[in-house]
Structures are given as structure tokens and as C-alpha cells.
Amino acid sequence: MEENKKETLDDSKNFKKGFFKKVWYSVFKIERYPEMATEGVARALTYLTKLAIIIAIIVSARNYIPN
């Protein structure tokens, strides 16, 4: 009984990772990919969209900085 509660807490804790933690895991912690894959397609698309927006902002800001 005690172990089930602990597993449930650990599972809910894993699913509530912040965006930057997910970026960190996707770049440096390849062994965590299966955990991220269990979050579902909707979360994956949201993550990829946020990542694409951030990259687009960085690239476009780079064009405005004088060399």
C-alpha cells in the first residue's frame, strides 16, 4: 500500500516537469526519452512548438544585432 502511494507521487512528479527541464533532458539526458514519450502526443507537440518559437526568436533577434 505504501509503495503504491510512493509510485503515484513519483509518477505525478515526473509528469509535471517544466519546459526548461524538458529541454535539458532532451539535450543532455537521452536515457530519459522513454519518460518523455509517455506524456502523449499533445504534450510533445506543445513542447516542440515552444521550442520552435524560442529558436525563431533567437534567429530573428540575431538578424537585428549589428555585426
N, C-alpha and C. Protein backbone atom coordinates (compact mmCIF):
# COMPACT_ATOMS: atom_id res chain seq x y z
N MET A 1 0.83 -1.18 0.00
CA MET A 1 0.00 0.00 0.00
C MET A 1 0.88 1.25 0.00
N GLU A 2 1.87 1.23 0.83
CA GLU A 2 2.78 2.37 0.95
C GLU A 2 3.56 2.58 -0.35
N GLU A 3 3.94 1.48 -1.00
CA GLU A 3 4.70 1.58 -2.25
C GLU A 3 3.84 2.16 -3.37
N ASN A 4 2.57 1.81 -3.40
CA ASN A 4 1.68 2.33 -4.44
C ASN A 4 1.54 3.84 -4.33
N LYS A 5 1.44 4.34 -3.10
CA LYS A 5 1.34 5.79 -2.91
C LYS A 5 2.63 6.46 -3.37
N LYS A 6 3.75 5.85 -3.05
CA LYS A 6 5.04 6.41 -3.43
C LYS A 6 5.19 6.44 -4.95
N GLU A 7 4.77 5.36 -5.62
CA GLU A 7 4.84 5.30 -7.08
C GLU A 7 3.94 6.36 -7.71
N THR A 8 2.75 6.54 -7.15
CA THR A 8 1.83 7.54 -7.68
C THR A 8 2.41 8.93 -7.54
N LEU A 9 3.02 9.21 -6.40
CA LEU A 9 3.65 10.51 -6.21
C LEU A 9 4.80 10.71 -7.18
N ASP A 10 5.61 9.68 -7.38
CA ASP A 10 6.73 9.78 -8.31
C ASP A 10 6.24 9.98 -9.73
N ASP A 11 5.18 9.27 -10.13
CA ASP A 11 4.64 9.41 -11.48
C ASP A 11 4.10 10.82 -11.72
N SER A 12 3.36 11.35 -10.75
CA SER A 12 2.81 12.68 -10.93
C SER A 12 3.92 13.72 -10.93
N LYS A 13 4.96 13.47 -10.18
CA LYS A 13 6.10 14.39 -10.14
C LYS A 13 6.82 14.39 -11.48
N ASN A 14 6.96 13.22 -12.10
CA ASN A 14 7.63 13.13 -13.40
C ASN A 14 6.84 13.82 -14.49
N PHE A 15 5.53 13.80 -14.43
CA PHE A 15 4.72 14.38 -15.48
C PHE A 15 4.65 15.90 -15.39
N LYS A 16 5.05 16.49 -14.30
CA LYS A 16 4.94 17.92 -14.13
C LYS A 16 6.31 18.60 -14.25
N LYS A 17 7.07 18.20 -15.25
CA LYS A 17 8.35 18.83 -15.50
C LYS A 17 8.12 20.16 -16.20
N GLY A 18 8.96 21.13 -15.88
CA GLY A 18 8.87 22.40 -16.55
C GLY A 18 9.48 22.33 -17.95
N PHE A 19 9.22 23.36 -18.71
CA PHE A 19 9.68 23.39 -20.10
C PHE A 19 11.20 23.33 -20.19
N PHE A 20 11.88 24.13 -19.40
CA PHE A 20 13.34 24.16 -19.48
C PHE A 20 13.98 22.87 -18.99
N LYS A 21 13.33 22.20 -18.06
CA LYS A 21 13.83 20.89 -17.62
C LYS A 21 13.68 19.87 -18.75
N LYS A 22 12.59 19.96 -19.50
CA LYS A 22 12.41 19.08 -20.64
C LYS A 22 13.46 19.33 -21.70
N VAL A 23 13.77 20.60 -21.93
CA VAL A 23 14.82 20.93 -22.90
C VAL A 23 16.14 20.34 -22.43
N TRP A 24 16.44 20.49 -21.16
CA TRP A 24 17.68 19.95 -20.59
C TRP A 24 17.74 18.43 -20.79
N TYR A 25 16.64 17.76 -20.48
CA TYR A 25 16.59 16.31 -20.64
C TYR A 25 16.75 15.90 -22.10
N SER A 26 16.10 16.65 -23.01
CA SER A 26 16.17 16.26 -24.41
C SER A 26 17.55 16.47 -25.00
N VAL A 27 18.34 17.37 -24.42
CA VAL A 27 19.69 17.61 -24.95
C VAL A 27 20.73 16.74 -24.24
N PHE A 28 20.65 16.66 -22.93
CA PHE A 28 21.74 16.03 -22.18
C PHE A 28 21.39 14.68 -21.55
N LYS A 29 20.15 14.35 -21.40
CA LYS A 29 19.77 13.10 -20.72
C LYS A 29 18.96 12.22 -21.68
N ILE A 30 19.65 11.64 -22.62
CA ILE A 30 18.99 10.83 -23.65
C ILE A 30 18.27 9.63 -23.03
N GLU A 31 18.75 9.12 -21.93
CA GLU A 31 18.11 7.97 -21.30
C GLU A 31 16.71 8.30 -20.75
N ARG A 32 16.36 9.57 -20.69
CA ARG A 32 15.03 9.98 -20.21
C ARG A 32 13.99 10.08 -21.32
N TYR A 33 14.37 9.78 -22.56
CA TYR A 33 13.42 9.86 -23.67
C TYR A 33 12.17 9.00 -23.45
N PRO A 34 12.30 7.77 -22.96
CA PRO A 34 11.07 6.97 -22.75
C PRO A 34 10.08 7.65 -21.79
N GLU A 35 10.58 8.33 -20.77
CA GLU A 35 9.70 9.04 -19.85
C GLU A 35 8.95 10.14 -20.57
N MET A 36 9.66 10.88 -21.41
CA MET A 36 9.03 11.97 -22.13
C MET A 36 8.05 11.43 -23.17
N ALA A 37 8.32 10.26 -23.70
CA ALA A 37 7.43 9.68 -24.71
C ALA A 37 6.09 9.26 -24.12
N THR A 38 6.06 8.95 -22.84
CA THR A 38 4.82 8.52 -22.21
C THR A 38 3.86 9.68 -21.94
N GLU A 39 4.30 10.90 -22.14
CA GLU A 39 3.45 12.05 -21.84
C GLU A 39 2.39 12.31 -22.89
N GLY A 40 2.51 11.72 -24.06
CA GLY A 40 1.46 11.84 -25.07
C GLY A 40 1.84 12.78 -26.20
N VAL A 41 1.05 12.68 -27.26
CA VAL A 41 1.32 13.43 -28.48
C VAL A 41 1.05 14.93 -28.28
N ALA A 42 -0.02 15.25 -27.57
CA ALA A 42 -0.37 16.66 -27.37
C ALA A 42 0.74 17.40 -26.64
N ARG A 43 1.27 16.80 -25.60
CA ARG A 43 2.37 17.44 -24.86
C ARG A 43 3.63 17.55 -25.70
N ALA A 44 3.89 16.53 -26.51
CA ALA A 44 5.06 16.56 -27.37
C ALA A 44 4.94 17.68 -28.40
N LEU A 45 3.76 17.85 -28.98
CA LEU A 45 3.56 18.92 -29.94
C LEU A 45 3.66 20.29 -29.29
N THR A 46 3.15 20.42 -28.07
CA THR A 46 3.27 21.67 -27.34
C THR A 46 4.74 21.99 -27.06
N TYR A 47 5.47 20.99 -26.64
CA TYR A 47 6.91 21.15 -26.37
C TYR A 47 7.65 21.57 -27.63
N LEU A 48 7.39 20.90 -28.75
CA LEU A 48 8.07 21.22 -30.00
C LEU A 48 7.70 22.62 -30.49
N THR A 49 6.45 23.00 -30.32
CA THR A 49 6.01 24.34 -30.72
C THR A 49 6.73 25.41 -29.92
N LYS A 50 6.80 25.23 -28.61
CA LYS A 50 7.51 26.19 -27.76
C LYS A 50 8.98 26.27 -28.14
N LEU A 51 9.58 25.13 -28.39
CA LEU A 51 10.98 25.09 -28.78
C LEU A 51 11.20 25.80 -30.11
N ALA A 52 10.32 25.59 -31.07
CA ALA A 52 10.42 26.25 -32.38
C ALA A 52 10.26 27.76 -32.24
N ILE A 53 9.36 28.20 -31.39
CA ILE A 53 9.17 29.64 -31.17
C ILE A 53 10.41 30.27 -30.57
N ILE A 54 11.00 29.62 -29.58
CA ILE A 54 12.21 30.14 -28.95
C ILE A 54 13.36 30.22 -29.95
N ILE A 55 13.52 29.18 -30.76
CA ILE A 55 14.58 29.18 -31.76
C ILE A 55 14.33 30.28 -32.79
N ALA A 56 13.08 30.46 -33.21
CA ALA A 56 12.75 31.51 -34.18
C ALA A 56 13.05 32.90 -33.61
N ILE A 57 12.76 33.11 -32.35
CA ILE A 57 13.05 34.40 -31.72
C ILE A 57 14.55 34.64 -31.69
N ILE A 58 15.31 33.63 -31.33
CA ILE A 58 16.77 33.77 -31.28
C ILE A 58 17.34 34.07 -32.66
N VAL A 59 16.87 33.35 -33.67
CA VAL A 59 17.38 33.56 -35.03
C VAL A 59 17.00 34.93 -35.55
N SER A 60 15.77 35.35 -35.32
CA SER A 60 15.36 36.66 -35.82
C SER A 60 16.02 37.80 -35.04
N ALA A 61 16.26 37.60 -33.76
CA ALA A 61 16.95 38.62 -32.96
C ALA A 61 18.40 38.75 -33.43
N ARG A 62 18.95 37.66 -33.86
CA ARG A 62 20.34 37.66 -34.35
C ARG A 62 20.47 38.54 -35.60
N ASN A 63 19.42 38.64 -36.41
CA ASN A 63 19.45 39.47 -37.61
C ASN A 63 19.44 40.96 -37.27
N TYR A 64 18.91 41.32 -36.11
CA TYR A 64 18.84 42.73 -35.73
C TYR A 64 20.07 43.23 -35.00
N ILE A 65 20.91 42.32 -34.54
CA ILE A 65 22.13 42.70 -33.84
C ILE A 65 23.19 43.07 -34.87
N PRO A 66 23.75 44.27 -34.78
CA PRO A 66 24.78 44.66 -35.76
C PRO A 66 26.07 43.86 -35.56
N ASN A 67 26.71 43.57 -36.65
CA ASN A 67 27.98 42.82 -36.58
C ASN A 67 29.14 43.72 -36.32
